[in-house]
Amino acid sequence: MAKKRQFVFSRIALTALGLGVLFLALNITQTSCGGDVPKTKDMVKADQITGAKSLIQPVFSGTMPSEVAFPDSIGPLPVDARPFFDQFSWQTFIALCWPVTPGQRGVPLNPNDPNAFLNMTNSSPVVWTSYKNQWDLFGQGINTPSPWNSWDNPVSLCQKGDTLRHIFRSAKSEMLPGDGDESFSVPLIDQNQNYALFEIKYNEVQYNFLVNNGLYLNSNLYDYKKKNGGAVTMPSSTATTEGSILVKAAWRQLTAKDDPSRYYVIDELVYDPVSKQCVKQKMGLIGLHIAQKVNTFPQWVWSSFEQVDNVPGAPNAKAPYSFNNGTNNPATIGGFANKPISASLISDKSQRTPVQVTRFNQIPTTPVGVSTVDINQIYQKAVGNSWMQYYQLVITQWPTNPTVFKQYTKNGKYPGDCGQPFPIDSCINTTMETYFQSPNDAVGAGGKGGNSCMGCHYKAPKTDFSWSLQLRSH
């Protein structure tokens, strides 16, 4: 049986092993998400692989995992832990995509009944879509945001009485009306000449923490940091309760050319940033970032999923692709071509040029036999004919030495002062960081590690890795 423990050496272990040996063990495998590590350092023993495989057992539960489960024995290198972090990512993804109890936010329906999940349709309202969105928190001016279970806001984008679960922007990073870029860059345009659209969602733990402390107001945020050592620390999970969870989702408009059965689908009233109106649209989920504050990993555990038809490469991908025309023309450099020259949105669809996207950093293939690619196949098979078979985990990133942390604004250096993340960089979702896939292109996102979740968000240290809180409090 797997047990739950922290993947970090204790002070006693530090003394026993020696700092030099530990530093070597933690750093020789820090590499890109593609797993470009010398095999002599990266491969675990056959008996360890067999043991890991026996523990990668898909469990269908609507209860959010609050800890990462490890076996009694595990290899000494960070890559040896990847299968268990990847399983944590998949279990979190399943819990987030569990059917939600009607009329409630964030409450899974029959969480102990796997059939509640396996028999759901690809348009059933799910837990994470019921979370509060960015507008609920930061779009209310000086007004107090509405209570967790309320669907009414002091300031609304639609007509009074309209229920609005999704407020889309063409940006992943800020996502309030007026924002117009994808992750500090420019928009992403699919092969149907429609913009990819994004949203941010907060679970109850994080939302109530921010509201109860008034941190949606910059003056309160300033005072709070001053009283708490200069920084905000979000609530973490405990052994039995979930901590703060932030979800960032990417969507695309579905047309007659698309097969909706391969997507998680919504067909409802949304805020459209192009028309700046509340309109009913049929949208397919193409990407999902998940950041979860885990008690033993205070720098958060970061997971990123994609729909398999975004770009070529997935074993079960099917053309036409959402962001690739199926040819090598135009050729991509750094994972993209036809990048828009401006963040401004073009209302005339015929004037938009589809962005050609390829995956620059491959999904990890290590450890051999229990890699991210292998675990994707295990879970995709387990979900049967569910829509979830068409989604894949592209990366999990976590701090391998979470007791070590120094704020970026206090001369902290990435990765050593950020809990020594694994992998260090090149951890990218093609729909959310399209233009930062290569290290060279990611320089504008923060230098080393900028093309990874932890590397980018480390630059928002006073708000606990939250760019939204740092940029959007008012």
Protein backbone atom coordinates (compact mmCIF):
# COMPACT_ATOMS: atom_id res chain seq x y z
CA MET A 1 0.00 0.00 0.00
CA ALA A 2 1.13 3.54 -0.65
CA LYS A 3 1.48 5.87 2.24
CA LYS A 4 1.45 9.62 2.33
CA ARG A 5 4.67 11.36 3.17
CA GLN A 6 6.64 14.43 2.27
CA PHE A 7 9.16 13.99 -0.54
CA VAL A 8 11.90 15.99 1.12
CA PHE A 9 14.89 14.98 3.21
CA SER A 10 14.61 15.72 6.91
CA ARG A 11 17.38 17.47 8.81
CA ILE A 12 18.41 14.10 10.22
CA ALA A 13 18.71 12.70 6.72
CA LEU A 14 20.70 15.75 5.70
CA THR A 15 23.22 15.01 8.41
CA ALA A 16 23.39 11.33 7.56
CA LEU A 17 23.81 11.77 3.83
CA GLY A 18 25.89 14.89 3.80
CA LEU A 19 24.94 18.13 2.14
CA GLY A 20 27.15 17.55 -0.85
CA VAL A 21 25.64 14.19 -1.71
CA LEU A 22 22.11 15.50 -1.29
CA PHE A 23 22.77 18.53 -3.45
CA LEU A 24 24.10 16.26 -6.19
CA ALA A 25 21.11 13.95 -5.96
CA LEU A 26 18.65 16.81 -6.17
CA ASN A 27 20.33 18.61 -9.03
CA ILE A 28 21.77 16.13 -11.50
CA THR A 29 18.33 15.35 -12.84
CA GLN A 30 16.94 18.87 -13.09
CA THR A 31 16.12 19.17 -16.75
CA SER A 32 13.47 19.89 -19.30
CA CYS A 33 10.02 18.31 -19.29
CA GLY A 34 11.09 16.14 -22.17
CA GLY A 35 13.20 14.07 -19.79
CA ASP A 36 16.58 14.70 -21.44
CA VAL A 37 18.51 13.12 -18.57
CA PRO A 38 21.35 10.61 -18.97
CA LYS A 39 19.77 7.19 -18.60
CA THR A 40 22.29 6.15 -15.97
CA LYS A 41 20.91 8.87 -13.70
CA ASP A 42 17.29 8.73 -14.70
CA MET A 43 16.18 5.12 -14.80
CA VAL A 44 14.97 3.44 -11.66
CA LYS A 45 15.59 -0.24 -11.00
CA ALA A 46 13.25 -2.81 -12.50
CA ASP A 47 11.80 -3.80 -9.13
CA GLN A 48 11.09 -0.15 -8.32
CA ILE A 49 9.30 0.28 -11.66
CA THR A 50 7.22 -2.81 -10.99
CA GLY A 51 6.33 -1.47 -7.56
CA ALA A 52 5.45 1.92 -9.00
CA LYS A 53 3.21 0.35 -11.65
CA SER A 54 1.33 -1.59 -9.00
CA LEU A 55 0.62 1.68 -7.17
CA ILE A 56 -0.60 3.58 -10.24
CA GLN A 57 -4.18 2.46 -9.79
CA PRO A 58 -6.84 4.92 -11.00
CA VAL A 59 -9.28 5.64 -8.20
CA PHE A 60 -12.47 7.47 -9.06
CA SER A 61 -13.41 9.80 -6.24
CA GLY A 62 -14.93 13.24 -6.01
CA THR A 63 -12.93 13.94 -2.86
CA MET A 64 -10.00 16.21 -3.61
CA PRO A 65 -6.62 14.62 -2.80
CA SER A 66 -4.84 16.72 -0.18
CA GLU A 67 -1.49 14.92 -0.07
CA VAL A 68 0.80 13.14 -2.52
CA ALA A 69 0.94 9.40 -1.83
CA PHE A 70 4.30 7.64 -2.05
CA PRO A 71 5.36 4.01 -1.54
CA ASP A 72 7.42 2.94 1.45
CA SER A 73 10.52 2.84 -0.74
CA ILE A 74 11.36 5.28 -3.47
CA GLY A 75 14.45 6.07 -5.51
CA PRO A 76 16.66 8.99 -4.42
CA LEU A 77 16.22 11.16 -7.50
CA PRO A 78 13.37 13.61 -8.17
CA VAL A 79 12.43 11.78 -11.37
CA ASP A 80 11.71 8.68 -9.25
CA ALA A 81 8.84 10.59 -7.64
CA ARG A 82 7.31 11.71 -10.95
CA PRO A 83 4.82 8.80 -11.24
CA PHE A 84 3.29 9.65 -7.87
CA PHE A 85 3.04 13.37 -8.57
CA ASP A 86 1.51 12.55 -11.96
CA GLN A 87 -1.02 10.29 -10.26
CA PHE A 88 -1.79 13.13 -7.83
CA SER A 89 -2.38 15.39 -10.86
CA TRP A 90 -4.76 12.91 -12.46
CA GLN A 91 -6.66 12.33 -9.21
CA THR A 92 -7.01 16.09 -8.79
CA PHE A 93 -8.20 16.43 -12.39
CA ILE A 94 -10.85 13.76 -11.81
CA ALA A 95 -12.04 15.38 -8.57
CA LEU A 96 -12.26 18.78 -10.25
CA CYS A 97 -14.19 17.30 -13.18
CA TRP A 98 -16.59 15.39 -10.93
CA PRO A 99 -20.29 16.27 -11.38
CA VAL A 100 -21.23 19.09 -9.05
CA THR A 101 -24.23 18.98 -6.73
CA PRO A 102 -26.99 21.08 -8.38
CA GLY A 103 -27.35 24.54 -6.87
CA GLN A 104 -24.07 24.39 -4.94
CA ARG A 105 -20.57 25.53 -5.65
CA GLY A 106 -17.65 23.13 -5.37
CA VAL A 107 -19.63 20.26 -3.81
CA PRO A 108 -19.18 16.95 -5.67
CA LEU A 109 -22.29 14.87 -6.34
CA ASN A 110 -22.06 11.42 -4.69
CA PRO A 111 -18.25 11.65 -4.38
CA ASN A 112 -17.85 8.02 -3.31
CA ASP A 113 -19.78 6.57 -6.24
CA PRO A 114 -17.53 6.05 -9.30
CA ASN A 115 -20.61 5.75 -11.50
CA ALA A 116 -21.45 9.37 -10.77
CA PHE A 117 -18.29 10.22 -12.70
CA LEU A 118 -18.16 7.43 -15.27
CA ASN A 119 -21.77 7.93 -16.34
CA MET A 120 -21.70 11.71 -16.62
CA THR A 121 -22.08 13.37 -20.00
CA ASN A 122 -19.45 15.63 -21.52
CA SER A 123 -21.61 18.65 -20.74
CA SER A 124 -22.55 17.88 -17.13
CA PRO A 125 -21.73 20.81 -14.81
CA VAL A 126 -18.58 19.87 -12.88
CA VAL A 127 -16.96 20.97 -9.64
CA TRP A 128 -14.37 23.38 -11.00
CA THR A 129 -16.75 25.18 -13.35
CA SER A 130 -18.83 26.08 -10.29
CA TYR A 131 -15.87 27.83 -8.63
CA LYS A 132 -15.84 31.61 -8.38
CA ASN A 133 -14.15 33.39 -11.26
CA GLN A 134 -11.79 36.33 -11.52
CA TRP A 135 -14.60 38.79 -12.10
CA ASP A 136 -16.41 37.71 -8.92
CA LEU A 137 -13.31 38.62 -6.93
CA PHE A 138 -11.53 41.47 -8.67
CA GLY A 139 -14.20 42.95 -10.91
CA GLN A 140 -16.41 44.43 -8.20
CA GLY A 141 -14.66 47.75 -7.64
CA ILE A 142 -14.80 48.80 -4.00
CA ASN A 143 -17.82 46.56 -3.39
CA THR A 144 -17.45 43.48 -1.25
CA PRO A 145 -17.49 40.39 -3.46
CA SER A 146 -20.56 38.19 -3.11
CA PRO A 147 -20.62 35.20 -0.71
CA TRP A 148 -19.31 31.88 -1.98
CA ASN A 149 -22.68 30.31 -2.81
CA SER A 150 -24.15 33.43 -4.39
CA TRP A 151 -24.51 33.77 -8.16
CA ASP A 152 -25.22 37.50 -7.95
CA ASN A 153 -22.54 40.20 -7.99
CA PRO A 154 -22.72 43.87 -7.05
CA VAL A 155 -21.28 44.60 -10.50
CA SER A 156 -22.49 42.40 -13.37
CA LEU A 157 -21.43 42.11 -16.98
CA CYS A 158 -24.84 40.81 -18.06
CA GLN A 159 -28.45 41.68 -17.45
CA LYS A 160 -29.66 41.41 -13.90
CA GLY A 161 -30.78 37.86 -13.12
CA ASP A 162 -28.54 36.18 -15.70
CA THR A 163 -26.39 33.37 -14.30
CA LEU A 164 -22.88 33.72 -15.66
CA ARG A 165 -20.43 30.92 -14.86
CA HIS A 166 -17.78 31.77 -17.45
CA ILE A 167 -16.26 35.18 -18.11
CA PHE A 168 -13.73 34.75 -20.88
CA ARG A 169 -10.78 36.83 -21.89
CA SER A 170 -8.19 36.37 -24.60
CA ALA A 171 -5.53 36.39 -21.86
CA LYS A 172 -4.49 33.69 -19.44
CA SER A 173 -2.70 35.96 -17.01
CA GLU A 174 -5.11 38.76 -16.10
CA MET A 175 -8.52 38.08 -17.60
CA LEU A 176 -10.60 41.09 -16.79
CA PRO A 177 -12.36 43.22 -19.40
CA GLY A 178 -9.69 45.27 -21.13
CA ASP A 179 -7.01 42.55 -21.05
CA GLY A 180 -5.98 41.33 -24.49
CA ASP A 181 -3.03 38.97 -24.41
CA GLU A 182 -2.20 35.36 -23.73
CA SER A 183 0.17 35.02 -20.78
CA PHE A 184 1.94 38.41 -21.11
CA SER A 185 2.09 38.03 -24.88
CA VAL A 186 -0.50 38.12 -27.69
CA PRO A 187 -3.72 36.19 -28.41
CA LEU A 188 -3.94 32.66 -29.77
CA ILE A 189 -6.04 32.01 -32.91
CA ASP A 190 -7.26 28.53 -33.83
CA GLN A 191 -7.57 26.96 -37.27
CA ASN A 192 -11.17 28.19 -37.54
CA GLN A 193 -9.91 31.76 -37.03
CA ASN A 194 -11.48 32.02 -33.60
CA TYR A 195 -9.64 33.26 -30.55
CA ALA A 196 -8.75 30.84 -27.77
CA LEU A 197 -10.43 32.14 -24.61
CA PHE A 198 -9.33 31.86 -21.00
CA GLU A 199 -10.64 32.09 -17.47
CA ILE A 200 -9.39 31.82 -13.87
CA LYS A 201 -11.31 30.07 -11.09
CA TYR A 202 -10.84 30.00 -7.30
CA ASN A 203 -11.95 27.24 -4.98
CA GLU A 204 -13.83 28.03 -1.77
CA VAL A 205 -10.76 27.90 0.49
CA GLN A 206 -8.80 30.47 -1.51
CA TYR A 207 -11.77 32.65 -2.42
CA ASN A 208 -12.98 33.00 1.17
CA PHE A 209 -9.44 33.68 2.40
CA LEU A 210 -9.04 36.54 -0.06
CA VAL A 211 -12.52 37.96 0.56
CA ASN A 212 -12.46 37.63 4.36
CA ASN A 213 -9.13 39.46 4.51
CA GLY A 214 -10.24 42.11 2.00
CA LEU A 215 -7.27 41.34 -0.25
CA TYR A 216 -9.18 42.31 -3.38
CA LEU A 217 -8.40 45.90 -2.31
CA ASN A 218 -4.82 47.01 -2.77
CA SER A 219 -4.80 49.00 0.47
CA ASN A 220 -5.82 45.93 2.45
CA LEU A 221 -3.30 43.83 0.60
CA TYR A 222 -0.56 46.29 1.53
CA ASP A 223 -1.57 46.29 5.19
CA TYR A 224 -1.88 42.52 5.32
CA LYS A 225 1.62 42.01 3.92
CA LYS A 226 3.02 44.57 6.33
CA LYS A 227 1.54 42.68 9.30
CA ASN A 228 2.57 39.25 8.02
CA GLY A 229 6.25 39.44 7.20
CA GLY A 230 5.80 41.24 3.90
CA ALA A 231 3.93 38.50 2.08
CA VAL A 232 0.64 36.65 1.72
CA THR A 233 0.49 32.93 2.44
CA MET A 234 -2.57 31.11 1.11
CA PRO A 235 -4.17 28.33 3.19
CA SER A 236 -2.62 24.90 2.62
CA SER A 237 -4.22 21.50 2.68
CA THR A 238 -4.20 19.28 5.74
CA ALA A 239 -4.20 15.48 5.79
CA THR A 240 -7.96 15.47 5.34
CA THR A 241 -8.95 18.82 3.84
CA GLU A 242 -8.14 20.57 0.59
CA GLY A 243 -6.11 23.73 0.50
CA SER A 244 -6.15 26.65 -1.90
CA ILE A 245 -6.73 25.65 -5.51
CA LEU A 246 -6.42 27.90 -8.54
CA VAL A 247 -7.69 26.69 -11.91
CA LYS A 248 -6.86 28.34 -15.23
CA ALA A 249 -8.82 27.07 -18.21
CA ALA A 250 -8.45 27.48 -21.96
CA TRP A 251 -11.41 27.06 -24.32
CA ARG A 252 -12.16 27.26 -28.03
CA GLN A 253 -15.41 27.82 -29.85
CA LEU A 254 -16.72 24.61 -31.42
CA THR A 255 -18.02 24.70 -34.99
CA ALA A 256 -19.63 22.21 -37.36
CA LYS A 257 -16.11 21.06 -38.28
CA ASP A 258 -15.45 19.81 -34.73
CA ASP A 259 -16.40 16.56 -33.00
CA PRO A 260 -17.86 17.72 -29.66
CA SER A 261 -17.73 14.18 -28.21
CA ARG A 262 -13.95 14.61 -27.89
CA TYR A 263 -14.26 17.62 -25.57
CA TYR A 264 -15.68 18.67 -22.27
CA VAL A 265 -18.34 21.06 -23.56
CA ILE A 266 -20.33 24.00 -22.29
CA ASP A 267 -23.20 25.53 -24.25
CA GLU A 268 -24.39 28.45 -22.20
CA LEU A 269 -24.23 32.16 -21.56
CA VAL A 270 -20.65 33.43 -21.44
CA TYR A 271 -18.91 36.78 -21.58
CA ASP A 272 -17.23 37.11 -24.97
CA PRO A 273 -14.25 39.51 -25.01
CA VAL A 274 -14.47 40.10 -28.76
CA SER A 275 -18.08 41.25 -28.92
CA LYS A 276 -17.93 42.46 -25.30
CA GLN A 277 -21.35 40.93 -24.84
CA CYS A 278 -22.90 38.11 -22.85
CA VAL A 279 -23.80 35.53 -25.49
CA LYS A 280 -24.58 31.83 -25.64
CA GLN A 281 -21.66 29.91 -27.12
CA LYS A 282 -20.70 26.26 -27.50
CA MET A 283 -17.16 25.91 -26.19
CA GLY A 284 -14.75 23.00 -25.87
CA LEU A 285 -12.15 22.75 -23.11
CA ILE A 286 -8.62 22.67 -24.58
CA GLY A 287 -6.39 23.23 -21.55
CA LEU A 288 -6.45 23.24 -17.76
CA HIS A 289 -3.79 24.48 -15.35
CA ILE A 290 -4.17 23.42 -11.71
CA ALA A 291 -2.18 24.91 -8.83
CA GLN A 292 -2.80 23.29 -5.45
CA LYS A 293 -1.35 24.46 -2.13
CA VAL A 294 -0.29 21.22 -0.44
CA ASN A 295 0.85 21.30 3.19
CA THR A 296 4.14 19.54 2.46
CA PHE A 297 4.76 21.54 -0.72
CA PRO A 298 4.24 25.23 0.14
CA GLN A 299 5.50 26.31 -3.29
CA TRP A 300 2.38 24.54 -4.63
CA VAL A 301 2.03 21.49 -6.88
CA TRP A 302 1.46 22.53 -10.49
CA SER A 303 -0.36 20.35 -13.03
CA SER A 304 -1.26 21.06 -16.64
CA PHE A 305 -3.63 19.17 -18.95
CA GLU A 306 -4.48 19.52 -22.64
CA GLN A 307 -7.03 18.17 -25.07
CA VAL A 308 -5.21 15.69 -27.32
CA ASP A 309 -6.25 17.31 -30.62
CA ASN A 310 -4.62 20.67 -29.92
CA VAL A 311 -1.48 19.81 -31.87
CA PRO A 312 -0.07 16.66 -33.51
CA GLY A 313 1.73 14.09 -31.39
CA ALA A 314 -0.65 12.41 -28.97
CA PRO A 315 -1.21 8.68 -29.65
CA ASN A 316 -4.97 9.20 -29.76
CA ALA A 317 -4.95 12.60 -31.47
CA LYS A 318 -7.24 13.13 -34.44
CA ALA A 319 -7.07 15.66 -37.25
CA PRO A 320 -8.13 18.32 -37.93
CA TYR A 321 -6.07 19.80 -35.11
CA SER A 322 -7.20 22.87 -33.24
CA PHE A 323 -3.96 24.83 -33.61
CA ASN A 324 -2.10 23.11 -36.44
CA ASN A 325 -3.04 22.75 -40.10
CA GLY A 326 -1.63 19.22 -40.33
CA THR A 327 1.34 20.19 -42.48
CA ASN A 328 4.83 21.57 -41.91
CA ASN A 329 3.93 24.81 -43.67
CA PRO A 330 4.50 27.25 -42.12
CA ALA A 331 7.42 25.77 -40.23
CA THR A 332 7.47 26.55 -36.54
CA ILE A 333 10.36 28.01 -34.60
CA GLY A 334 10.14 27.59 -30.85
CA GLY A 335 6.80 25.82 -31.26
CA PHE A 336 4.83 28.45 -33.18
CA ALA A 337 4.43 30.43 -36.39
CA ASN A 338 2.06 33.21 -37.49
CA LYS A 339 2.24 34.88 -34.10
CA PRO A 340 -0.09 37.93 -34.05
CA ILE A 341 1.79 41.19 -34.09
CA SER A 342 -0.52 42.90 -31.62
CA ALA A 343 -2.51 42.14 -28.48
CA SER A 344 -5.47 44.02 -29.97
CA LEU A 345 -8.44 41.84 -30.83
CA ILE A 346 -9.62 41.90 -34.45
CA SER A 347 -13.40 41.88 -34.73
CA ASP A 348 -13.39 40.89 -38.42
CA LYS A 349 -12.78 37.15 -38.31
CA SER A 350 -11.63 37.03 -41.93
CA GLN A 351 -8.67 39.25 -41.04
CA ARG A 352 -7.29 36.83 -38.44
CA THR A 353 -4.50 34.40 -39.32
CA PRO A 354 -4.51 31.01 -37.55
CA VAL A 355 -1.46 30.41 -35.37
CA GLN A 356 0.51 27.30 -36.32
CA VAL A 357 1.50 25.48 -33.11
CA THR A 358 3.67 22.44 -32.40
CA ARG A 359 4.80 20.95 -29.10
CA PHE A 360 8.36 22.17 -28.52
CA ASN A 361 8.83 20.29 -25.22
CA GLN A 362 7.71 16.69 -25.34
CA ILE A 363 5.58 15.14 -22.61
CA PRO A 364 7.97 13.31 -20.22
CA THR A 365 8.89 9.75 -21.14
CA THR A 366 10.79 9.04 -17.91
CA PRO A 367 10.99 7.02 -15.74
CA VAL A 368 10.69 4.37 -18.41
CA GLY A 369 7.49 2.37 -17.92
CA VAL A 370 5.88 4.81 -15.47
CA SER A 371 6.45 8.11 -17.25
CA THR A 372 3.85 10.83 -17.74
CA VAL A 373 3.11 9.33 -21.17
CA ASP A 374 2.59 5.90 -19.60
CA ILE A 375 0.37 7.20 -16.81
CA ASN A 376 -1.74 9.11 -19.32
CA GLN A 377 -2.42 5.85 -21.12
CA ILE A 378 -3.33 4.12 -17.85
CA TYR A 379 -5.89 6.76 -16.93
CA GLN A 380 -7.23 7.23 -20.46
CA LYS A 381 -7.94 3.50 -20.57
CA ALA A 382 -9.51 3.54 -17.10
CA VAL A 383 -12.06 6.24 -17.99
CA GLY A 384 -13.40 4.07 -20.82
CA ASN A 385 -15.64 5.92 -23.26
CA SER A 386 -15.71 9.06 -21.14
CA TRP A 387 -14.76 12.39 -22.70
CA MET A 388 -11.74 12.38 -20.38
CA GLN A 389 -9.96 9.83 -22.58
CA TYR A 390 -9.22 12.75 -24.89
CA TYR A 391 -7.24 14.71 -22.30
CA GLN A 392 -3.64 14.26 -21.30
CA LEU A 393 -1.37 15.47 -18.53
CA VAL A 394 1.53 17.36 -20.09
CA ILE A 395 3.50 18.14 -16.94
CA THR A 396 3.56 18.11 -13.16
CA GLN A 397 6.03 20.46 -11.47
CA TRP A 398 6.80 20.50 -7.76
CA PRO A 399 9.47 21.64 -5.24
CA THR A 400 11.90 18.83 -4.44
CA ASN A 401 13.30 20.65 -1.41
CA PRO A 402 10.34 22.74 -0.19
CA THR A 403 11.95 23.81 3.08
CA VAL A 404 14.30 26.06 1.11
CA PHE A 405 12.65 29.29 0.02
CA LYS A 406 13.83 32.88 -0.32
CA GLN A 407 11.71 35.61 -1.85
CA TYR A 408 12.63 36.73 -5.33
CA THR A 409 12.38 40.33 -4.14
CA LYS A 410 14.90 39.60 -1.38
CA ASN A 411 17.63 38.50 -3.77
CA GLY A 412 16.18 35.03 -4.14
CA LYS A 413 17.41 33.07 -7.14
CA TYR A 414 15.51 30.55 -9.20
CA PRO A 415 15.60 27.57 -8.89
CA GLY A 416 17.68 27.10 -5.72
CA ASP A 417 15.69 29.52 -3.55
CA CYS A 418 12.34 28.31 -4.88
CA GLY A 419 12.37 24.85 -3.32
CA GLN A 420 14.51 23.45 -6.17
CA PRO A 421 11.68 22.72 -8.64
CA PHE A 422 11.59 19.62 -10.77
CA PRO A 423 11.74 20.01 -13.68
CA ILE A 424 13.44 23.40 -13.61
CA ASP A 425 12.04 24.69 -16.89
CA SER A 426 10.39 23.87 -20.24
CA CYS A 427 7.09 22.97 -18.56
CA ILE A 428 4.61 24.43 -21.00
CA ASN A 429 1.00 24.08 -22.10
CA THR A 430 0.71 24.74 -25.84
CA THR A 431 -2.59 26.62 -25.41
CA MET A 432 -1.60 28.84 -22.48
CA GLU A 433 2.09 29.61 -22.98
CA THR A 434 2.23 29.10 -26.73
CA TYR A 435 4.87 31.76 -27.31
CA PHE A 436 7.10 30.84 -24.34
CA GLN A 437 7.76 27.20 -25.17
CA SER A 438 11.49 27.65 -25.72
CA PRO A 439 13.89 29.04 -23.09
CA ASN A 440 14.94 31.82 -25.48
CA ASP A 441 11.39 33.03 -25.99
CA ALA A 442 10.69 32.77 -22.26
CA VAL A 443 13.30 35.38 -21.34
CA GLY A 444 10.54 37.97 -21.40
CA ALA A 445 8.57 35.90 -18.88
CA GLY A 446 11.21 36.09 -16.23
CA GLY A 447 14.48 34.60 -17.44
CA LYS A 448 15.59 31.16 -16.28
CA GLY A 449 12.61 29.00 -15.58
CA GLY A 450 10.28 31.51 -17.21
CA ASN A 451 8.89 28.75 -19.41
CA SER A 452 7.56 26.87 -16.40
CA CYS A 453 4.80 27.41 -13.85
CA MET A 454 7.05 27.79 -10.83
CA GLY A 455 9.70 29.80 -12.65
CA CYS A 456 7.17 32.38 -13.82
CA HIS A 457 5.07 32.57 -10.65
CA TYR A 458 8.15 32.79 -8.41
CA LYS A 459 8.39 36.37 -9.65
CA ALA A 460 5.16 37.12 -7.72
CA PRO A 461 6.62 36.20 -4.31
CA LYS A 462 4.77 38.60 -2.03
CA THR A 463 1.41 37.19 -3.11
CA ASP A 464 2.26 33.48 -2.78
CA PHE A 465 2.95 32.85 -6.47
CA SER A 466 -0.29 34.61 -7.50
CA TRP A 467 0.06 37.04 -10.38
CA SER A 468 -3.68 37.62 -10.21
CA LEU A 469 -3.54 38.90 -6.65
CA GLN A 470 -0.44 40.99 -7.35
CA LEU A 471 -1.82 42.57 -10.52
CA ARG A 472 -5.57 42.72 -10.06
CA SER A 473 -6.23 43.98 -6.51
CA HIS A 474 -7.52 47.54 -6.79
